[in-house]
Amino acid sequence: MKKTKLGEFEELVLVTVIVLKEDAYGVEIKRELEERLKETLSVGSIQSALKRMEEKGFLKSEFGEATAVRGGKRKRIYTATPLAVQTLEEIKEVRTQLWASIA
């Protein structure tokens, strides 16, 4: 496994980005995580995690089209990089092995 660290919250945000595909932008990521975790999250915590992971090379982002619903503001859409997918697969394998060792 690579030395690049991925915290628990970052892992959740990253998996959510992959699940949401073209709808992976800040507010929607927050909504999806809140629904699944059954807790309230701050927009700032989501944005901080997204920024950190983009700096680490796990995410790329680009602006979507402006919409009237958002008052002309464009959404920043996030996508996972191949490094992110590989890292998540490695994390999943380690966790699977650890859980299997409990029995």
N, C-alpha and C. Protein backbone atom coordinates (compact mmCIF):
# COMPACT_ATOMS: atom_id res chain seq x y z
N MET A 1 0.84 -1.18 0.00
CA MET A 1 0.00 0.00 0.00
C MET A 1 0.89 1.24 0.00
N LYS A 2 0.49 2.24 -0.74
CA LYS A 2 1.27 3.48 -0.81
C LYS A 2 1.29 4.19 0.54
N LYS A 3 2.25 5.06 0.71
CA LYS A 3 2.40 5.81 1.95
C LYS A 3 1.40 6.97 2.06
N THR A 4 0.73 7.30 0.97
CA THR A 4 -0.23 8.39 1.00
C THR A 4 -1.36 8.04 1.95
N LYS A 5 -1.62 8.93 2.90
CA LYS A 5 -2.64 8.69 3.92
C LYS A 5 -4.02 9.12 3.42
N LEU A 6 -5.00 8.35 3.83
CA LEU A 6 -6.38 8.66 3.53
C LEU A 6 -7.17 8.42 4.80
N GLY A 7 -7.66 9.50 5.42
CA GLY A 7 -8.39 9.38 6.67
C GLY A 7 -9.77 8.78 6.44
N GLU A 8 -10.41 8.40 7.54
CA GLU A 8 -11.73 7.77 7.46
C GLU A 8 -12.75 8.67 6.77
N PHE A 9 -12.78 9.94 7.17
CA PHE A 9 -13.75 10.87 6.57
C PHE A 9 -13.43 11.08 5.09
N GLU A 10 -12.15 11.21 4.76
CA GLU A 10 -11.75 11.37 3.37
C GLU A 10 -12.18 10.15 2.55
N GLU A 11 -12.02 8.98 3.14
CA GLU A 11 -12.42 7.76 2.45
C GLU A 11 -13.93 7.78 2.14
N LEU A 12 -14.72 8.18 3.12
CA LEU A 12 -16.17 8.27 2.92
C LEU A 12 -16.53 9.27 1.83
N VAL A 13 -15.88 10.42 1.84
CA VAL A 13 -16.14 11.45 0.83
C VAL A 13 -15.73 10.94 -0.54
N LEU A 14 -14.59 10.28 -0.62
CA LEU A 14 -14.09 9.77 -1.89
C LEU A 14 -15.01 8.71 -2.48
N VAL A 15 -15.46 7.79 -1.66
CA VAL A 15 -16.40 6.76 -2.14
C VAL A 15 -17.70 7.43 -2.59
N THR A 16 -18.14 8.44 -1.88
CA THR A 16 -19.36 9.15 -2.25
C THR A 16 -19.21 9.84 -3.61
N VAL A 17 -18.05 10.42 -3.86
CA VAL A 17 -17.78 11.04 -5.17
C VAL A 17 -17.94 9.99 -6.28
N ILE A 18 -17.40 8.81 -6.05
CA ILE A 18 -17.49 7.75 -7.05
C ILE A 18 -18.95 7.31 -7.25
N VAL A 19 -19.69 7.20 -6.17
CA VAL A 19 -21.09 6.78 -6.23
C VAL A 19 -21.93 7.81 -6.99
N LEU A 20 -21.68 9.09 -6.73
CA LEU A 20 -22.51 10.16 -7.33
C LEU A 20 -22.18 10.45 -8.78
N LYS A 21 -21.02 10.05 -9.24
CA LYS A 21 -20.60 10.27 -10.63
C LYS A 21 -20.68 11.74 -11.02
N GLU A 22 -21.47 12.06 -12.07
CA GLU A 22 -21.53 13.44 -12.57
C GLU A 22 -22.27 14.39 -11.62
N ASP A 23 -22.88 13.87 -10.57
CA ASP A 23 -23.55 14.71 -9.56
C ASP A 23 -22.67 14.94 -8.33
N ALA A 24 -21.38 14.66 -8.45
CA ALA A 24 -20.47 14.78 -7.31
C ALA A 24 -19.98 16.22 -7.15
N TYR A 25 -20.80 17.04 -6.50
CA TYR A 25 -20.41 18.41 -6.16
C TYR A 25 -20.74 18.60 -4.68
N GLY A 26 -20.16 19.62 -4.08
CA GLY A 26 -20.19 19.83 -2.64
C GLY A 26 -21.51 19.57 -1.93
N VAL A 27 -22.56 20.26 -2.33
CA VAL A 27 -23.84 20.15 -1.64
C VAL A 27 -24.43 18.74 -1.77
N GLU A 28 -24.30 18.15 -2.94
CA GLU A 28 -24.86 16.81 -3.15
C GLU A 28 -24.05 15.75 -2.39
N ILE A 29 -22.74 15.93 -2.31
CA ILE A 29 -21.90 15.02 -1.53
C ILE A 29 -22.32 15.10 -0.06
N LYS A 30 -22.52 16.31 0.43
CA LYS A 30 -22.96 16.53 1.81
C LYS A 30 -24.30 15.84 2.06
N ARG A 31 -25.26 16.04 1.18
CA ARG A 31 -26.59 15.46 1.33
C ARG A 31 -26.52 13.93 1.36
N GLU A 32 -25.77 13.36 0.45
CA GLU A 32 -25.64 11.90 0.37
C GLU A 32 -25.01 11.33 1.64
N LEU A 33 -23.94 11.96 2.10
CA LEU A 33 -23.27 11.48 3.32
C LEU A 33 -24.16 11.63 4.54
N GLU A 34 -24.86 12.76 4.66
CA GLU A 34 -25.75 12.96 5.80
C GLU A 34 -26.85 11.90 5.83
N GLU A 35 -27.37 11.58 4.66
CA GLU A 35 -28.42 10.57 4.58
C GLU A 35 -27.90 9.19 5.01
N ARG A 36 -26.71 8.85 4.57
CA ARG A 36 -26.15 7.53 4.87
C ARG A 36 -25.62 7.43 6.30
N LEU A 37 -25.03 8.52 6.79
CA LEU A 37 -24.44 8.51 8.14
C LEU A 37 -25.45 8.85 9.22
N LYS A 38 -26.59 9.38 8.82
CA LYS A 38 -27.63 9.80 9.77
C LYS A 38 -27.09 10.85 10.76
N GLU A 39 -26.34 11.81 10.22
CA GLU A 39 -25.83 12.91 11.04
C GLU A 39 -25.65 14.14 10.17
N THR A 40 -25.57 15.30 10.83
CA THR A 40 -25.40 16.57 10.12
C THR A 40 -23.91 16.85 9.95
N LEU A 41 -23.54 17.25 8.74
CA LEU A 41 -22.16 17.60 8.43
C LEU A 41 -22.10 19.05 8.00
N SER A 42 -20.97 19.67 8.19
CA SER A 42 -20.82 21.05 7.72
C SER A 42 -20.29 21.06 6.29
N VAL A 43 -20.69 22.06 5.55
CA VAL A 43 -20.20 22.23 4.18
C VAL A 43 -18.68 22.38 4.23
N GLY A 44 -18.18 23.08 5.24
CA GLY A 44 -16.75 23.31 5.37
C GLY A 44 -15.95 22.03 5.51
N SER A 45 -16.48 21.07 6.26
CA SER A 45 -15.76 19.80 6.43
C SER A 45 -15.68 19.05 5.10
N ILE A 46 -16.74 19.11 4.33
CA ILE A 46 -16.76 18.46 3.02
C ILE A 46 -15.76 19.16 2.08
N GLN A 47 -15.84 20.48 2.04
CA GLN A 47 -14.96 21.24 1.15
C GLN A 47 -13.49 21.05 1.52
N SER A 48 -13.18 21.01 2.81
CA SER A 48 -11.80 20.78 3.25
C SER A 48 -11.30 19.42 2.81
N ALA A 49 -12.13 18.40 2.97
CA ALA A 49 -11.75 17.05 2.56
C ALA A 49 -11.54 16.99 1.05
N LEU A 50 -12.42 17.62 0.29
CA LEU A 50 -12.29 17.62 -1.16
C LEU A 50 -11.00 18.31 -1.59
N LYS A 51 -10.70 19.43 -0.97
CA LYS A 51 -9.48 20.17 -1.31
C LYS A 51 -8.23 19.35 -0.99
N ARG A 52 -8.20 18.74 0.21
CA ARG A 52 -7.05 17.91 0.60
C ARG A 52 -6.83 16.77 -0.39
N MET A 53 -7.93 16.12 -0.76
CA MET A 53 -7.80 14.97 -1.66
C MET A 53 -7.42 15.39 -3.08
N GLU A 54 -7.83 16.56 -3.48
CA GLU A 54 -7.41 17.07 -4.79
C GLU A 54 -5.90 17.36 -4.76
N GLU A 55 -5.43 17.92 -3.66
CA GLU A 55 -4.00 18.19 -3.51
C GLU A 55 -3.17 16.91 -3.47
N LYS A 56 -3.74 15.84 -2.91
CA LYS A 56 -3.05 14.55 -2.82
C LYS A 56 -3.11 13.76 -4.14
N GLY A 57 -3.92 14.23 -5.08
CA GLY A 57 -4.03 13.54 -6.37
C GLY A 57 -5.12 12.50 -6.44
N PHE A 58 -6.02 12.47 -5.45
CA PHE A 58 -7.12 11.51 -5.46
C PHE A 58 -8.32 12.01 -6.25
N LEU A 59 -8.44 13.31 -6.40
CA LEU A 59 -9.58 13.90 -7.10
C LEU A 59 -9.12 14.92 -8.13
N LYS A 60 -9.96 15.10 -9.14
CA LYS A 60 -9.83 16.20 -10.09
C LYS A 60 -11.17 16.91 -10.07
N SER A 61 -11.16 18.18 -10.40
CA SER A 61 -12.43 18.90 -10.45
C SER A 61 -12.46 19.85 -11.64
N GLU A 62 -13.68 20.13 -12.06
CA GLU A 62 -13.90 21.13 -13.10
C GLU A 62 -15.26 21.75 -12.88
N PHE A 63 -15.43 22.94 -13.41
CA PHE A 63 -16.70 23.63 -13.25
C PHE A 63 -17.71 23.13 -14.27
N GLY A 64 -18.94 22.89 -13.80
CA GLY A 64 -20.04 22.54 -14.68
C GLY A 64 -20.63 23.81 -15.26
N GLU A 65 -21.71 23.65 -15.98
CA GLU A 65 -22.39 24.79 -16.59
C GLU A 65 -23.16 25.60 -15.54
N ALA A 66 -23.30 26.88 -15.78
CA ALA A 66 -24.11 27.74 -14.91
C ALA A 66 -25.58 27.40 -15.11
N THR A 67 -26.34 27.45 -14.01
CA THR A 67 -27.77 27.15 -14.11
C THR A 67 -28.58 28.26 -13.46
N ALA A 68 -29.79 28.46 -13.95
CA ALA A 68 -30.68 29.47 -13.39
C ALA A 68 -31.07 29.11 -11.96
N VAL A 69 -31.18 27.81 -11.67
CA VAL A 69 -31.55 27.35 -10.34
C VAL A 69 -30.53 27.83 -9.30
N ARG A 70 -29.28 27.91 -9.68
CA ARG A 70 -28.22 28.34 -8.77
C ARG A 70 -27.90 29.83 -8.93
N GLY A 71 -28.76 30.57 -9.56
CA GLY A 71 -28.53 31.99 -9.74
C GLY A 71 -27.34 32.28 -10.63
N GLY A 72 -27.07 31.38 -11.57
CA GLY A 72 -25.96 31.57 -12.50
C GLY A 72 -24.64 31.02 -12.01
N LYS A 73 -24.60 30.51 -10.78
CA LYS A 73 -23.36 29.94 -10.25
C LYS A 73 -23.10 28.57 -10.85
N ARG A 74 -21.84 28.30 -11.11
CA ARG A 74 -21.45 27.00 -11.65
C ARG A 74 -21.04 26.06 -10.52
N LYS A 75 -21.32 24.78 -10.67
CA LYS A 75 -20.94 23.77 -9.68
C LYS A 75 -19.53 23.28 -9.99
N ARG A 76 -18.77 23.00 -8.93
CA ARG A 76 -17.47 22.35 -9.11
C ARG A 76 -17.73 20.86 -8.98
N ILE A 77 -17.55 20.13 -10.08
CA ILE A 77 -17.82 18.70 -10.13
C ILE A 77 -16.51 17.95 -9.90
N TYR A 78 -16.55 16.95 -9.02
CA TYR A 78 -15.36 16.17 -8.67
C TYR A 78 -15.42 14.79 -9.29
N THR A 79 -14.25 14.30 -9.69
CA THR A 79 -14.12 12.93 -10.18
C THR A 79 -12.89 12.30 -9.53
N ALA A 80 -13.00 11.01 -9.27
CA ALA A 80 -11.89 10.27 -8.66
C ALA A 80 -10.86 9.93 -9.73
N THR A 81 -9.59 9.96 -9.34
CA THR A 81 -8.50 9.60 -10.24
C THR A 81 -8.23 8.10 -10.15
N PRO A 82 -7.48 7.56 -11.09
CA PRO A 82 -7.09 6.15 -10.99
C PRO A 82 -6.35 5.84 -9.68
N LEU A 83 -5.55 6.78 -9.19
CA LEU A 83 -4.86 6.60 -7.91
C LEU A 83 -5.88 6.40 -6.79
N ALA A 84 -6.95 7.16 -6.81
CA ALA A 84 -7.99 7.04 -5.78
C ALA A 84 -8.64 5.67 -5.81
N VAL A 85 -8.98 5.20 -6.99
CA VAL A 85 -9.63 3.90 -7.12
C VAL A 85 -8.68 2.79 -6.64
N GLN A 86 -7.42 2.86 -7.03
CA GLN A 86 -6.44 1.87 -6.61
C GLN A 86 -6.27 1.89 -5.09
N THR A 87 -6.18 3.06 -4.51
CA THR A 87 -6.01 3.20 -3.06
C THR A 87 -7.21 2.65 -2.32
N LEU A 88 -8.42 2.96 -2.80
CA LEU A 88 -9.63 2.42 -2.16
C LEU A 88 -9.68 0.90 -2.24
N GLU A 89 -9.26 0.34 -3.37
CA GLU A 89 -9.23 -1.12 -3.50
C GLU A 89 -8.25 -1.73 -2.50
N GLU A 90 -7.09 -1.09 -2.33
CA GLU A 90 -6.11 -1.58 -1.37
C GLU A 90 -6.64 -1.50 0.06
N ILE A 91 -7.29 -0.41 0.40
CA ILE A 91 -7.87 -0.24 1.74
C ILE A 91 -8.94 -1.31 1.98
N LYS A 92 -9.79 -1.53 0.98
CA LYS A 92 -10.85 -2.53 1.11
C LYS A 92 -10.25 -3.91 1.35
N GLU A 93 -9.19 -4.25 0.63
CA GLU A 93 -8.55 -5.56 0.77
C GLU A 93 -7.96 -5.73 2.18
N VAL A 94 -7.30 -4.71 2.68
CA VAL A 94 -6.73 -4.78 4.03
C VAL A 94 -7.84 -4.97 5.07
N ARG A 95 -8.92 -4.20 4.93
CA ARG A 95 -10.04 -4.32 5.87
C ARG A 95 -10.69 -5.70 5.79
N THR A 96 -10.86 -6.21 4.58
CA THR A 96 -11.46 -7.54 4.41
C THR A 96 -10.61 -8.60 5.10
N GLN A 97 -9.30 -8.52 4.92
CA GLN A 97 -8.39 -9.47 5.56
C GLN A 97 -8.44 -9.36 7.08
N LEU A 98 -8.50 -8.15 7.58
CA LEU A 98 -8.56 -7.96 9.04
C LEU A 98 -9.86 -8.51 9.61
N TRP A 99 -11.00 -8.22 8.95
CA TRP A 99 -12.29 -8.72 9.41
C TRP A 99 -12.33 -10.25 9.36
N ALA A 100 -11.74 -10.82 8.33
CA ALA A 100 -11.70 -12.28 8.20
C ALA A 100 -10.88 -12.91 9.33
N SER A 101 -9.91 -12.17 9.85
CA SER A 101 -9.05 -12.68 10.92
C SER A 101 -9.74 -12.69 12.28
N ILE A 102 -10.85 -12.01 12.40
CA ILE A 102 -11.56 -11.94 13.68
C ILE A 102 -12.25 -13.27 13.99
N ALA A 103 -12.73 -13.93 12.98
CA ALA A 103 -13.49 -15.19 13.18
C ALA A 103 -12.66 -16.24 13.80
